[in-house]
Every structure is written in structure tokens, then in C-alpha cells.
Amino acid sequence: MEPVEVFAGAWYLRALRDDDRLSDVGALARFDIADPADYVRDANRGWADESRFVWAVCVPTTGETVALIGVVPTGDDTADLVGVARDGHAEALSDAAGPVARFAEGALGLTTDELAETRP
């Protein structure tokens, strides 16, 4: 599956990127990710093989990544809804949870539980 962009109220959700136009590598370092470039590659492989769907939760006006949220299929038409926010940005993660859960159900046919605060 190709990555899908989602609007969540005041927040813009997009796939993680590391290319000549946009890179999330610097922002991912703020989430204590040891190898941010590898994390981006893994997240994109997850979209491609439909094993994990990860979004950067961004400020629409600046593109700044303030949270990460993901859907991780667990089998039997269920999935974990997981995410983390940078300090001071819990609202971004909270606002993204509903639209992402609806995407999981409507587009993927997966039911999610409540958001678990852990890195996707």
C-alpha cells in the first residue's frame, strides 16, 4: 500500500521521509531513535508490505514533526494503535488517534484498542 496522508483537526499526518526534499531524520532523533534513517526505511517498508503503518504528526504550517503514531496489525482483524509525542505535544498525539483508528477500520478492516503510548 502507498502511504496515506490524514488530516486530524489542527494536525497533518504523513508518512516518514528522508529524501532530497524532506527529511525526518533530525526530528526522529528527538524521539530517542538510535538510527533515524533506518527507522524511516523500516516505516516505509511497513507501508509497502502492510505490516506497519506509521505517520509523522506534523504542524501543518511548518511541517515540524511533533509526534509519531502507528497502526500495527496483530492478526484476526485487530491492530495495536501506538504513538509517542514530544514534550509539550500530547494534544497532537491525542487528536491523531481518532482519525488513525478510523483509517485502520475503514481502509484496512482492522479494529484497534485505545492508544498505547509507545513508539510505533
PDB file of N, CA and C in Angstrom:
ATOM      1  N   MET A   1       0.842  -1.166   0.000  1.00  0.00           N
ATOM      2  CA  MET A   1       0.000   0.000   0.000  1.00  0.00           C
ATOM      3  C   MET A   1       0.893   1.237   0.000  1.00  0.00           C
ATOM      4  N   GLU A   2       0.457   2.238  -0.742  1.00  0.00           N
ATOM      5  CA  GLU A   2       1.141   3.526  -0.718  1.00  0.00           C
ATOM      6  C   GLU A   2       0.730   4.266   0.558  1.00  0.00           C
ATOM      7  N   PRO A   3       1.633   5.054   1.147  1.00  0.00           N
ATOM      8  CA  PRO A   3       1.266   5.831   2.341  1.00  0.00           C
ATOM      9  C   PRO A   3       0.095   6.773   2.065  1.00  0.00           C
ATOM     10  N   VAL A   4      -0.726   6.936   3.085  1.00  0.00           N
ATOM     11  CA  VAL A   4      -1.925   7.768   3.001  1.00  0.00           C
ATOM     12  C   VAL A   4      -1.761   8.945   3.958  1.00  0.00           C
ATOM     13  N   GLU A   5      -2.032  10.141   3.460  1.00  0.00           N
ATOM     14  CA  GLU A   5      -1.995  11.327   4.309  1.00  0.00           C
ATOM     15  C   GLU A   5      -3.344  11.480   4.991  1.00  0.00           C
ATOM     16  N   VAL A   6      -3.310  12.001   6.227  1.00  0.00           N
ATOM     17  CA  VAL A   6      -4.522  12.148   7.029  1.00  0.00           C
ATOM     18  C   VAL A   6      -4.503  13.532   7.669  1.00  0.00           C
ATOM     19  N   PHE A   7      -5.650  14.177   7.691  1.00  0.00           N
ATOM     20  CA  PHE A   7      -5.781  15.425   8.436  1.00  0.00           C
ATOM     21  C   PHE A   7      -6.517  15.115   9.726  1.00  0.00           C
ATOM     22  N   ALA A   8      -5.977  15.581  10.832  1.00  0.00           N
ATOM     23  CA  ALA A   8      -6.536  15.306  12.158  1.00  0.00           C
ATOM     24  C   ALA A   8      -6.715  16.632  12.892  1.00  0.00           C
ATOM     25  N   GLY A   9      -7.791  17.324  12.585  1.00  0.00           N
ATOM     26  CA  GLY A   9      -8.009  18.619  13.217  1.00  0.00           C
ATOM     27  C   GLY A   9      -6.924  19.587  12.826  1.00  0.00           C
ATOM     28  N   ALA A  10      -6.167  20.043  13.793  1.00  0.00           N
ATOM     29  CA  ALA A  10      -5.106  21.019  13.551  1.00  0.00           C
ATOM     30  C   ALA A  10      -3.804  20.367  13.098  1.00  0.00           C
ATOM     31  N   TRP A  11      -3.790  19.073  12.888  1.00  0.00           N
ATOM     32  CA  TRP A  11      -2.553  18.351  12.604  1.00  0.00           C
ATOM     33  C   TRP A  11      -2.616  17.661  11.248  1.00  0.00           C
ATOM     34  N   TYR A  12      -1.463  17.535  10.644  1.00  0.00           N
ATOM     35  CA  TYR A  12      -1.310  16.889   9.354  1.00  0.00           C
ATOM     36  C   TYR A  12      -0.467  15.637   9.556  1.00  0.00           C
ATOM     37  N   LEU A  13      -0.959  14.500   9.103  1.00  0.00           N
ATOM     38  CA  LEU A  13      -0.246  13.233   9.252  1.00  0.00           C
ATOM     39  C   LEU A  13       0.238  12.773   7.881  1.00  0.00           C
ATOM     40  N   ARG A  14       1.509  12.407   7.834  1.00  0.00           N
ATOM     41  CA  ARG A  14       2.092  11.930   6.592  1.00  0.00           C
ATOM     42  C   ARG A  14       3.104  10.839   6.900  1.00  0.00           C
ATOM     43  N   ALA A  15       3.462  10.093   5.870  1.00  0.00           N
ATOM     44  CA  ALA A  15       4.497   9.062   6.017  1.00  0.00           C
ATOM     45  C   ALA A  15       5.825   9.721   6.351  1.00  0.00           C
ATOM     46  N   LEU A  16       6.675   8.984   7.010  1.00  0.00           N
ATOM     47  CA  LEU A  16       8.018   9.467   7.317  1.00  0.00           C
ATOM     48  C   LEU A  16       8.836   9.554   6.025  1.00  0.00           C
ATOM     49  N   ARG A  17       9.721  10.552   5.980  1.00  0.00           N
ATOM     50  CA  ARG A  17      10.514  10.763   4.763  1.00  0.00           C
ATOM     51  C   ARG A  17      11.972  11.045   5.099  1.00  0.00           C
ATOM     52  N   ASP A  18      12.820  10.683   4.149  1.00  0.00           N
ATOM     53  CA  ASP A  18      14.237  11.037   4.187  1.00  0.00           C
ATOM     54  C   ASP A  18      14.709  11.072   2.746  1.00  0.00           C
ATOM     55  N   ASP A  19      14.452  12.201   2.091  1.00  0.00           N
ATOM     56  CA  ASP A  19      14.853  12.348   0.695  1.00  0.00           C
ATOM     57  C   ASP A  19      15.401  13.752   0.475  1.00  0.00           C
ATOM     58  N   ASP A  20      15.629  14.115  -0.776  1.00  0.00           N
ATOM     59  CA  ASP A  20      16.243  15.406  -1.067  1.00  0.00           C
ATOM     60  C   ASP A  20      15.306  16.591  -0.838  1.00  0.00           C
ATOM     61  N   ARG A  21      14.021  16.352  -0.644  1.00  0.00           N
ATOM     62  CA  ARG A  21      13.062  17.433  -0.397  1.00  0.00           C
ATOM     63  C   ARG A  21      12.672  17.579   1.064  1.00  0.00           C
ATOM     64  N   LEU A  22      12.654  16.472   1.793  1.00  0.00           N
ATOM     65  CA  LEU A  22      12.216  16.499   3.189  1.00  0.00           C
ATOM     66  C   LEU A  22      12.847  15.338   3.938  1.00  0.00           C
ATOM     67  N   SER A  23      13.331  15.610   5.145  1.00  0.00           N
ATOM     68  CA  SER A  23      13.918  14.552   5.960  1.00  0.00           C
ATOM     69  C   SER A  23      13.410  14.651   7.399  1.00  0.00           C
ATOM     70  N   ASP A  24      12.942  13.523   7.896  1.00  0.00           N
ATOM     71  CA  ASP A  24      12.516  13.428   9.287  1.00  0.00           C
ATOM     72  C   ASP A  24      13.635  12.943  10.200  1.00  0.00           C
ATOM     73  N   VAL A  25      14.822  12.704   9.661  1.00  0.00           N
ATOM     74  CA  VAL A  25      15.909  12.130  10.447  1.00  0.00           C
ATOM     75  C   VAL A  25      16.220  12.983  11.673  1.00  0.00           C
ATOM     76  N   GLY A  26      16.359  14.286  11.518  1.00  0.00           N
ATOM     77  CA  GLY A  26      16.656  15.162  12.656  1.00  0.00           C
ATOM     78  C   GLY A  26      15.560  15.134  13.700  1.00  0.00           C
ATOM     79  N   ALA A  27      14.314  15.165  13.260  1.00  0.00           N
ATOM     80  CA  ALA A  27      13.191  15.144  14.199  1.00  0.00           C
ATOM     81  C   ALA A  27      13.118  13.819  14.947  1.00  0.00           C
ATOM     82  N   LEU A  28      13.426  12.720  14.264  1.00  0.00           N
ATOM     83  CA  LEU A  28      13.344  11.408  14.913  1.00  0.00           C
ATOM     84  C   LEU A  28      14.386  11.244  16.007  1.00  0.00           C
ATOM     85  N   ALA A  29      15.473  11.945  15.901  1.00  0.00           N
ATOM     86  CA  ALA A  29      16.484  11.896  16.963  1.00  0.00           C
ATOM     87  C   ALA A  29      15.902  12.401  18.278  1.00  0.00           C
ATOM     88  N   ARG A  30      14.925  13.295  18.214  1.00  0.00           N
ATOM     89  CA  ARG A  30      14.272  13.811  19.424  1.00  0.00           C
ATOM     90  C   ARG A  30      13.386  12.762  20.093  1.00  0.00           C
ATOM     91  N   PHE A  31      13.118  11.662  19.398  1.00  0.00           N
ATOM     92  CA  PHE A  31      12.325  10.571  19.956  1.00  0.00           C
ATOM     93  C   PHE A  31      13.227   9.444  20.458  1.00  0.00           C
ATOM     94  N   ASP A  32      14.505   9.728  20.620  1.00  0.00           N
ATOM     95  CA  ASP A  32      15.489   8.745  21.090  1.00  0.00           C
ATOM     96  C   ASP A  32      15.558   7.510  20.198  1.00  0.00           C
ATOM     97  N   ILE A  33      15.456   7.722  18.914  1.00  0.00           N
ATOM     98  CA  ILE A  33      15.604   6.637  17.951  1.00  0.00           C
ATOM     99  C   ILE A  33      17.081   6.561  17.579  1.00  0.00           C
ATOM    100  N   ALA A  34      17.681   5.403  17.796  1.00  0.00           N
ATOM    101  CA  ALA A  34      19.125   5.245  17.624  1.00  0.00           C
ATOM    102  C   ALA A  34      19.577   5.484  16.188  1.00  0.00           C
ATOM    103  N   ASP A  35      18.859   4.962  15.210  1.00  0.00           N
ATOM    104  CA  ASP A  35      19.230   5.124  13.800  1.00  0.00           C
ATOM    105  C   ASP A  35      18.004   5.654  13.050  1.00  0.00           C
ATOM    106  N   PRO A  36      17.788   6.977  13.078  1.00  0.00           N
ATOM    107  CA  PRO A  36      16.592   7.555  12.463  1.00  0.00           C
ATOM    108  C   PRO A  36      16.425   7.235  10.980  1.00  0.00           C
ATOM    109  N   ALA A  37      17.504   7.221  10.216  1.00  0.00           N
ATOM    110  CA  ALA A  37      17.392   6.922   8.784  1.00  0.00           C
ATOM    111  C   ALA A  37      16.880   5.497   8.576  1.00  0.00           C
ATOM    112  N   ASP A  38      17.376   4.558   9.369  1.00  0.00           N
ATOM    113  CA  ASP A  38      16.912   3.177   9.283  1.00  0.00           C
ATOM    114  C   ASP A  38      15.445   3.069   9.714  1.00  0.00           C
ATOM    115  N   TYR A  39      15.060   3.850  10.719  1.00  0.00           N
ATOM    116  CA  TYR A  39      13.661   3.854  11.180  1.00  0.00           C
ATOM    117  C   TYR A  39      12.732   4.304  10.054  1.00  0.00           C
ATOM    118  N   VAL A  40      13.137   5.331   9.299  1.00  0.00           N
ATOM    119  CA  VAL A  40      12.337   5.797   8.166  1.00  0.00           C
ATOM    120  C   VAL A  40      12.216   4.686   7.130  1.00  0.00           C
ATOM    121  N   ARG A  41      13.326   4.039   6.802  1.00  0.00           N
ATOM    122  CA  ARG A  41      13.292   2.945   5.822  1.00  0.00           C
ATOM    123  C   ARG A  41      12.373   1.823   6.296  1.00  0.00           C
ATOM    124  N   ASP A  42      12.475   1.443   7.574  1.00  0.00           N
ATOM    125  CA  ASP A  42      11.616   0.382   8.116  1.00  0.00           C
ATOM    126  C   ASP A  42      10.142   0.780   8.067  1.00  0.00           C
ATOM    127  N   ALA A  43       9.864   2.030   8.405  1.00  0.00           N
ATOM    128  CA  ALA A  43       8.477   2.502   8.367  1.00  0.00           C
ATOM    129  C   ALA A  43       7.929   2.442   6.942  1.00  0.00           C
ATOM    130  N   ASN A  44       8.724   2.821   5.971  1.00  0.00           N
ATOM    131  CA  ASN A  44       8.270   2.769   4.583  1.00  0.00           C
ATOM    132  C   ASN A  44       8.103   1.336   4.087  1.00  0.00           C
ATOM    133  N   ARG A  45       8.967   0.433   4.537  1.00  0.00           N
ATOM    134  CA  ARG A  45       8.779  -0.994   4.207  1.00  0.00           C
ATOM    135  C   ARG A  45       7.481  -1.511   4.816  1.00  0.00           C
ATOM    136  N   GLY A  46       7.157  -1.020   6.029  1.00  0.00           N
ATOM    137  CA  GLY A  46       5.906  -1.429   6.664  1.00  0.00           C
ATOM    138  C   GLY A  46       4.691  -1.050   5.848  1.00  0.00           C
ATOM    139  N   TRP A  47       4.702   0.152   5.273  1.00  0.00           N
ATOM    140  CA  TRP A  47       3.596   0.547   4.382  1.00  0.00           C
ATOM    141  C   TRP A  47       3.551  -0.387   3.179  1.00  0.00           C
ATOM    142  N   ALA A  48       4.708  -0.645   2.579  1.00  0.00           N
ATOM    143  CA  ALA A  48       4.771  -1.446   1.355  1.00  0.00           C
ATOM    144  C   ALA A  48       4.255  -2.873   1.561  1.00  0.00           C
ATOM    145  N   ASP A  49       4.620  -3.477   2.687  1.00  0.00           N
ATOM    146  CA  ASP A  49       4.179  -4.859   2.912  1.00  0.00           C
ATOM    147  C   ASP A  49       2.984  -4.953   3.865  1.00  0.00           C
ATOM    148  N   GLU A  50       2.439  -3.795   4.244  1.00  0.00           N
ATOM    149  CA  GLU A  50       1.240  -3.692   5.090  1.00  0.00           C
ATOM    150  C   GLU A  50       1.405  -4.368   6.448  1.00  0.00           C
ATOM    151  N   SER A  51       2.633  -4.305   6.976  1.00  0.00           N
ATOM    152  CA  SER A  51       2.895  -4.887   8.294  1.00  0.00           C
ATOM    153  C   SER A  51       2.892  -3.836   9.398  1.00  0.00           C
ATOM    154  N   ARG A  52       3.001  -2.563   9.019  1.00  0.00           N
ATOM    155  CA  ARG A  52       3.033  -1.473   9.994  1.00  0.00           C
ATOM    156  C   ARG A  52       2.791  -0.172   9.241  1.00  0.00           C
ATOM    157  N   PHE A  53       1.952   0.685   9.813  1.00  0.00           N
ATOM    158  CA  PHE A  53       1.602   1.946   9.178  1.00  0.00           C
ATOM    159  C   PHE A  53       1.958   3.066  10.149  1.00  0.00           C
ATOM    160  N   VAL A  54       2.973   3.860   9.808  1.00  0.00           N
ATOM    161  CA  VAL A  54       3.480   4.890  10.710  1.00  0.00           C
ATOM    162  C   VAL A  54       3.336   6.265  10.049  1.00  0.00           C
ATOM    163  N   TRP A  55       2.849   7.217  10.844  1.00  0.00           N
ATOM    164  CA  TRP A  55       2.710   8.593  10.388  1.00  0.00           C
ATOM    165  C   TRP A  55       3.528   9.525  11.276  1.00  0.00           C
ATOM    166  N   ALA A  56       4.052  10.573  10.667  1.00  0.00           N
ATOM    167  CA  ALA A  56       4.581  11.719  11.397  1.00  0.00           C
ATOM    168  C   ALA A  56       3.391  12.643  11.619  1.00  0.00           C
ATOM    169  N   VAL A  57       3.175  13.069  12.853  1.00  0.00           N
ATOM    170  CA  VAL A  57       2.132  14.041  13.161  1.00  0.00           C
ATOM    171  C   VAL A  57       2.812  15.402  13.116  1.00  0.00           C
ATOM    172  N   CYS A  58       2.367  16.238  12.184  1.00  0.00           N
ATOM    173  CA  CYS A  58       3.092  17.473  11.878  1.00  0.00           C
ATOM    174  C   CYS A  58       2.236  18.720  12.084  1.00  0.00           C
ATOM    175  N   VAL A  59       2.916  19.806  12.379  1.00  0.00           N
ATOM    176  CA  VAL A  59       2.303  21.129  12.379  1.00  0.00           C
ATOM    177  C   VAL A  59       2.106  21.490  10.906  1.00  0.00           C
ATOM    178  N   PRO A  60       0.872  21.752  10.459  1.00  0.00           N
ATOM    179  CA  PRO A  60       0.637  21.972   9.031  1.00  0.00           C
ATOM    180  C   PRO A  60       1.390  23.163   8.444  1.00  0.00           C
ATOM    181  N   THR A  61       1.572  24.211   9.204  1.00  0.00           N
ATOM    182  CA  THR A  61       2.201  25.419   8.666  1.00  0.00           C
ATOM    183  C   THR A  61       3.709  25.308   8.531  1.00  0.00           C
ATOM    184  N   THR A  62       4.343  24.457   9.327  1.00  0.00           N
ATOM    185  CA  THR A  62       5.803  24.345   9.293  1.00  0.00           C
ATOM    186  C   THR A  62       6.301  22.966   8.874  1.00  0.00           C
ATOM    187  N   GLY A  63       5.449  21.955   8.976  1.00  0.00           N
ATOM    188  CA  GLY A  63       5.855  20.584   8.687  1.00  0.00           C
ATOM    189  C   GLY A  63       6.635  19.935   9.811  1.00  0.00           C
ATOM    190  N   GLU A  64       6.788  20.628  10.938  1.00  0.00           N
ATOM    191  CA  GLU A  64       7.549  20.085  12.070  1.00  0.00           C
ATOM    192  C   GLU A  64       6.871  18.831  12.627  1.00  0.00           C
ATOM    193  N   THR A  65       7.628  17.764  12.784  1.00  0.00           N
ATOM    194  CA  THR A  65       7.120  16.514  13.353  1.00  0.00           C
ATOM    195  C   THR A  65       7.122  16.615  14.871  1.00  0.00           C
ATOM    196  N   VAL A  66       5.932  16.514  15.466  1.00  0.00           N
ATOM    197  CA  VAL A  66       5.812  16.642  16.917  1.00  0.00           C
ATOM    198  C   VAL A  66       5.362  15.352  17.590  1.00  0.00           C
ATOM    199  N   ALA A  67       4.941  14.369  16.788  1.00  0.00           N
ATOM    200  CA  ALA A  67       4.520  13.082  17.340  1.00  0.00           C
ATOM    201  C   ALA A  67       4.630  12.026  16.252  1.00  0.00           C
ATOM    202  N   LEU A  68       4.616  10.778  16.675  1.00  0.00           N
ATOM    203  CA  LEU A  68       4.560   9.634  15.777  1.00  0.00           C
ATOM    204  C   LEU A  68       3.374   8.788  16.187  1.00  0.00           C
ATOM    205  N   ILE A  69       2.650   8.278  15.212  1.00  0.00           N
ATOM    206  CA  ILE A  69       1.527   7.395  15.522  1.00  0.00           C
ATOM    207  C   ILE A  69       1.512   6.273  14.501  1.00  0.00           C
ATOM    208  N   GLY A  70       1.107   5.097  14.931  1.00  0.00           N
ATOM    209  CA  GLY A  70       1.102   3.967  14.018  1.00  0.00           C
ATOM    210  C   GLY A  70       0.035   2.941  14.330  1.00  0.00           C
ATOM    211  N   VAL A  71      -0.230   2.145  13.316  1.00  0.00           N
ATOM    212  CA  VAL A  71      -1.133   1.001  13.408  1.00  0.00           C
ATOM    213  C   VAL A  71      -0.291  -0.230  13.103  1.00  0.00           C
ATOM    214  N   VAL A  72      -0.290  -1.182  14.029  1.00  0.00           N
ATOM    215  CA  VAL A  72       0.495  -2.401  13.861  1.00  0.00           C
ATOM    216  C   VAL A  72      -0.458  -3.594  13.913  1.00  0.00           C
ATOM    217  N   PRO A  73      -0.749  -4.214  12.754  1.00  0.00           N
ATOM    218  CA  PRO A  73      -1.649  -5.367  12.738  1.00  0.00           C
ATOM    219  C   PRO A  73      -1.140  -6.482  13.652  1.00  0.00           C
ATOM    220  N   THR A  74      -2.082  -7.083  14.386  1.00  0.00           N
ATOM    221  CA  THR A  74      -1.735  -8.165  15.313  1.00  0.00           C
ATOM    222  C   THR A  74      -2.382  -9.488  14.933  1.00  0.00           C
ATOM    223  N   GLY A  75      -3.148  -9.498  13.865  1.00  0.00           N
ATOM    224  CA  GLY A  75      -3.835 -10.709  13.426  1.00  0.00           C
ATOM    225  C   GLY A  75      -5.294 -10.674  13.801  1.00  0.00           C
ATOM    226  N   ASP A  76      -6.073 -11.552  13.167  1.00  0.00           N
ATOM    227  CA  ASP A  76      -7.502 -11.663  13.455  1.00  0.00           C
ATOM    228  C   ASP A  76      -8.225 -10.329  13.341  1.00  0.00           C
ATOM    229  N   ASP A  77      -7.884  -9.526  12.326  1.00  0.00           N
ATOM    230  CA  ASP A  77      -8.544  -8.249  12.049  1.00  0.00           C
ATOM    231  C   ASP A  77      -8.430  -7.251  13.192  1.00  0.00           C
ATOM    232  N   THR A  78      -7.349  -7.324  13.958  1.00  0.00           N
ATOM    233  CA  THR A  78      -7.098  -6.367  15.031  1.00  0.00           C
ATOM    234  C   THR A  78      -5.724  -5.736  14.830  1.00  0.00           C
ATOM    235  N   ALA A  79      -5.515  -4.621  15.512  1.00  0.00           N
ATOM    236  CA  ALA A  79      -4.220  -3.945  15.419  1.00  0.00           C
ATOM    237  C   ALA A  79      -4.003  -3.127  16.677  1.00  0.00           C
ATOM    238  N   ASP A  80      -2.724  -2.914  16.986  1.00  0.00           N
ATOM    239  CA  ASP A  80      -2.359  -2.006  18.069  1.00  0.00           C
ATOM    240  C   ASP A  80      -2.292  -0.595  17.504  1.00  0.00           C
ATOM    241  N   LEU A  81      -2.813   0.357  18.247  1.00  0.00           N
ATOM    242  CA  LEU A  81      -2.701   1.773  17.937  1.00  0.00           C
ATOM    243  C   LEU A  81      -1.686   2.332  18.913  1.00  0.00           C
ATOM    244  N   VAL A  82      -0.541   2.772  18.393  1.00  0.00           N
ATOM    245  CA  VAL A  82       0.566   3.183  19.257  1.00  0.00           C
ATOM    246  C   VAL A  82       1.116   4.535  18.807  1.00  0.00           C
ATOM    247  N   GLY A  83       1.662   5.281  19.765  1.00  0.00           N
ATOM    248  CA  GLY A  83       2.255   6.547  19.398  1.00  0.00           C
ATOM    249  C   GLY A  83       2.984   7.207  20.544  1.00  0.00           C
ATOM    250  N   VAL A  84       3.815   8.167  20.179  1.00  0.00           N
ATOM    251  CA  VAL A  84       4.562   8.968  21.150  1.00  0.00           C
ATOM    252  C   VAL A  84       4.557  10.414  20.682  1.00  0.00           C
ATOM    253  N   ALA A  85       4.638  11.318  21.646  1.00  0.00           N
ATOM    254  CA  ALA A  85       4.694  12.747  21.344  1.00  0.00           C
ATOM    255  C   ALA A  85       5.911  13.361  22.003  1.00  0.00           C
ATOM    256  N   ARG A  86       6.441  14.396  21.390  1.00  0.00           N
ATOM    257  CA  ARG A  86       7.495  15.162  22.029  1.00  0.00           C
ATOM    258  C   ARG A  86       6.904  15.907  23.212  1.00  0.00           C
ATOM    259  N   ASP A  87       7.745  16.264  24.155  1.00  0.00           N
ATOM    260  CA  ASP A  87       7.282  17.031  25.317  1.00  0.00           C
ATOM    261  C   ASP A  87       6.503  18.254  24.850  1.00  0.00           C
ATOM    262  N   GLY A  88       5.339  18.456  25.480  1.00  0.00           N
ATOM    263  CA  GLY A  88       4.501  19.593  25.168  1.00  0.00           C
ATOM    264  C   GLY A  88       3.577  19.399  23.982  1.00  0.00           C
ATOM    265  N   HIS A  89       3.560  18.196  23.393  1.00  0.00           N
ATOM    266  CA  HIS A  89       2.744  17.961  22.202  1.00  0.00           C
ATOM    267  C   HIS A  89       1.806  16.769  22.350  1.00  0.00           C
ATOM    268  N   ALA A  90       1.405  16.464  23.562  1.00  0.00           N
ATOM    269  CA  ALA A  90       0.492  15.335  23.801  1.00  0.00           C
ATOM    270  C   ALA A  90      -0.827  15.531  23.065  1.00  0.00           C
ATOM    271  N   GLU A  91      -1.268  16.775  22.924  1.00  0.00           N
ATOM    272  CA  GLU A  91      -2.532  17.047  22.238  1.00  0.00           C
ATOM    273  C   GLU A  91      -2.482  16.594  20.780  1.00  0.00           C
ATOM    274  N   ALA A  92      -1.348  16.757  20.131  1.00  0.00           N
ATOM    275  CA  ALA A  92      -1.207  16.327  18.739  1.00  0.00           C
ATOM    276  C   ALA A  92      -1.425  14.824  18.617  1.00  0.00           C
ATOM    277  N   LEU A  93      -0.828  14.065  19.515  1.00  0.00           N
ATOM    278  CA  LEU A  93      -0.986  12.617  19.502  1.00  0.00           C
ATOM    279  C   LEU A  93      -2.425  12.230  19.799  1.00  0.00           C
ATOM    280  N   SER A  94      -3.002  12.850  20.792  1.00  0.00           N
ATOM    281  CA  SER A  94      -4.388  12.564  21.158  1.00  0.00           C
ATOM    282  C   SER A  94      -5.342  12.871  20.001  1.00  0.00           C
ATOM    283  N   ASP A  95      -5.141  14.018  19.350  1.00  0.00           N
ATOM    284  CA  ASP A  95      -6.005  14.405  18.233  1.00  0.00           C
ATOM    285  C   ASP A  95      -5.855  13.462  17.040  1.00  0.00           C
ATOM    286  N   ALA A  96      -4.684  12.878  16.857  1.00  0.00           N
ATOM    287  CA  ALA A  96      -4.435  11.984  15.728  1.00  0.00           C
ATOM    288  C   ALA A  96      -5.040  10.600  15.934  1.00  0.00           C
ATOM    289  N   ALA A  97      -5.251  10.192  17.169  1.00  0.00           N
ATOM    290  CA  ALA A  97      -5.689   8.826  17.462  1.00  0.00           C
ATOM    291  C   ALA A  97      -7.021   8.477  16.804  1.00  0.00           C
ATOM    292  N   GLY A  98      -8.003   9.332  16.898  1.00  0.00           N
ATOM    293  CA  GLY A  98      -9.320   9.036  16.316  1.00  0.00           C
ATOM    294  C   GLY A  98      -9.273   8.865  14.812  1.00  0.00           C
ATOM    295  N   PRO A  99      -8.727   9.837  14.065  1.00  0.00           N
ATOM    296  CA  PRO A  99      -8.647   9.663  12.611  1.00  0.00           C
ATOM    297  C   PRO A  99      -7.836   8.445  12.176  1.00  0.00           C
ATOM    298  N   VAL A 100      -6.755   8.148  12.878  1.00  0.00           N
ATOM    299  CA  VAL A 100      -5.951   6.979  12.512  1.00  0.00           C
ATOM    300  C   VAL A 100      -6.716   5.690  12.805  1.00  0.00           C
ATOM    301  N   ALA A 101      -7.414   5.633  13.927  1.00  0.00           N
ATOM    302  CA  ALA A 101      -8.232   4.444  14.230  1.00  0.00           C
ATOM    303  C   ALA A 101      -9.330   4.269  13.180  1.00  0.00           C
ATOM    304  N   ARG A 102      -9.933   5.367  12.737  1.00  0.00           N
ATOM    305  CA  ARG A 102     -10.964   5.278  11.692  1.00  0.00           C
ATOM    306  C   ARG A 102     -10.358   4.817  10.366  1.00  0.00           C
ATOM    307  N   PHE A 103      -9.145   5.280  10.056  1.00  0.00           N
ATOM    308  CA  PHE A 103      -8.460   4.804   8.853  1.00  0.00           C
ATOM    309  C   PHE A 103      -8.223   3.300   8.954  1.00  0.00           C
ATOM    310  N   ALA A 104      -7.743   2.851  10.110  1.00  0.00           N
ATOM    311  CA  ALA A 104      -7.468   1.427  10.297  1.00  0.00           C
ATOM    312  C   ALA A 104      -8.730   0.601  10.059  1.00  0.00           C
ATOM    313  N   GLU A 105      -9.836   1.074  10.573  1.00  0.00           N
ATOM    314  CA  GLU A 105     -11.086   0.322  10.417  1.00  0.00           C
ATOM    315  C   GLU A 105     -11.616   0.411   8.989  1.00  0.00           C
ATOM    316  N   GLY A 106     -11.707   1.630   8.460  1.00  0.00           N
ATOM    317  CA  GLY A 106     -12.324   1.815   7.153  1.00  0.00           C
ATOM    318  C   GLY A 106     -11.480   1.335   5.987  1.00  0.00           C
ATOM    319  N   ALA A 107     -10.196   1.627   5.991  1.00  0.00           N
ATOM    320  CA  ALA A 107      -9.335   1.297   4.861  1.00  0.00           C
ATOM    321  C   ALA A 107      -8.664  -0.065   4.994  1.00  0.00           C
ATOM    322  N   LEU A 108      -8.398  -0.473   6.226  1.00  0.00           N
ATOM    323  CA  LEU A 108      -7.650  -1.716   6.436  1.00  0.00           C
ATOM    324  C   LEU A 108      -8.503  -2.847   7.007  1.00  0.00           C
ATOM    325  N   GLY A 109      -9.703  -2.519   7.478  1.00  0.00           N
ATOM    326  CA  GLY A 109     -10.563  -3.532   8.078  1.00  0.00           C
ATOM    327  C   GLY A 109     -10.051  -4.022   9.423  1.00  0.00           C
ATOM    328  N   LEU A 110      -9.320  -3.158  10.134  1.00  0.00           N
ATOM    329  CA  LEU A 110      -8.724  -3.545  11.416  1.00  0.00           C
ATOM    330  C   LEU A 110      -9.367  -2.774  12.562  1.00  0.00           C
ATOM    331  N   THR A 111      -9.648  -3.457  13.632  1.00  0.00           N
ATOM    332  CA  THR A 111     -10.149  -2.841  14.853  1.00  0.00           C
ATOM    333  C   THR A 111      -8.971  -2.585  15.780  1.00  0.00           C
ATOM    334  N   THR A 112      -8.929  -1.375  16.348  1.00  0.00           N
ATOM    335  CA  THR A 112      -7.831  -1.032  17.254  1.00  0.00           C
ATOM    336  C   THR A 112      -8.360  -0.834  18.671  1.00  0.00           C
ATOM    337  N   ASP A 113      -7.475  -1.029  19.623  1.00  0.00           N
ATOM    338  CA  ASP A 113      -7.778  -0.703  21.013  1.00  0.00           C
ATOM    339  C   ASP A 113      -7.438   0.764  21.231  1.00  0.00           C
ATOM    340  N   GLU A 114      -7.499   1.189  22.487  1.00  0.00           N
ATOM    341  CA  GLU A 114      -7.122   2.547  22.848  1.00  0.00           C
ATOM    342  C   GLU A 114      -5.646   2.756  22.532  1.00  0.00           C
ATOM    343  N   LEU A 115      -5.293   4.004  22.325  1.00  0.00           N
ATOM    344  CA  LEU A 115      -3.915   4.375  22.035  1.00  0.00           C
ATOM    345  C   LEU A 115      -2.991   3.971  23.176  1.00  0.00           C
ATOM    346  N   ALA A 116      -1.928   3.252  22.844  1.00  0.00           N
ATOM    347  CA  ALA A 116      -0.875   2.914  23.801  1.00  0.00           C
ATOM    348  C   ALA A 116       0.307   3.831  23.512  1.00  0.00           C
ATOM    349  N   GLU A 117       0.808   4.470  24.544  1.00  0.00           N
ATOM    350  CA  GLU A 117       1.897   5.427  24.336  1.00  0.00           C
ATOM    351  C   GLU A 117       3.245   4.714  24.328  1.00  0.00           C
ATOM    352  N   THR A 118       3.596   4.286  23.132  1.00  0.00           N
ATOM    353  CA  THR A 118       4.883   3.662  22.859  1.00  0.00           C
ATOM    354  C   THR A 118       5.229   3.947  21.399  1.00  0.00           C
ATOM    355  N   ARG A 119       6.476   3.906  21.064  1.00  0.00           N
ATOM    356  CA  ARG A 119       6.907   4.234  19.710  1.00  0.00           C
ATOM    357  C   ARG A 119       6.398   3.181  18.725  1.00  0.00           C
ATOM    358  N   PRO A 120       5.802   3.642  17.611  1.00  0.00           N
ATOM    359  CA  PRO A 120       5.302   2.686  16.601  1.00  0.00           C
ATOM    360  C   PRO A 120       6.434   2.028  15.835  1.00  0.00           C
TER     361      PRO A 120
END
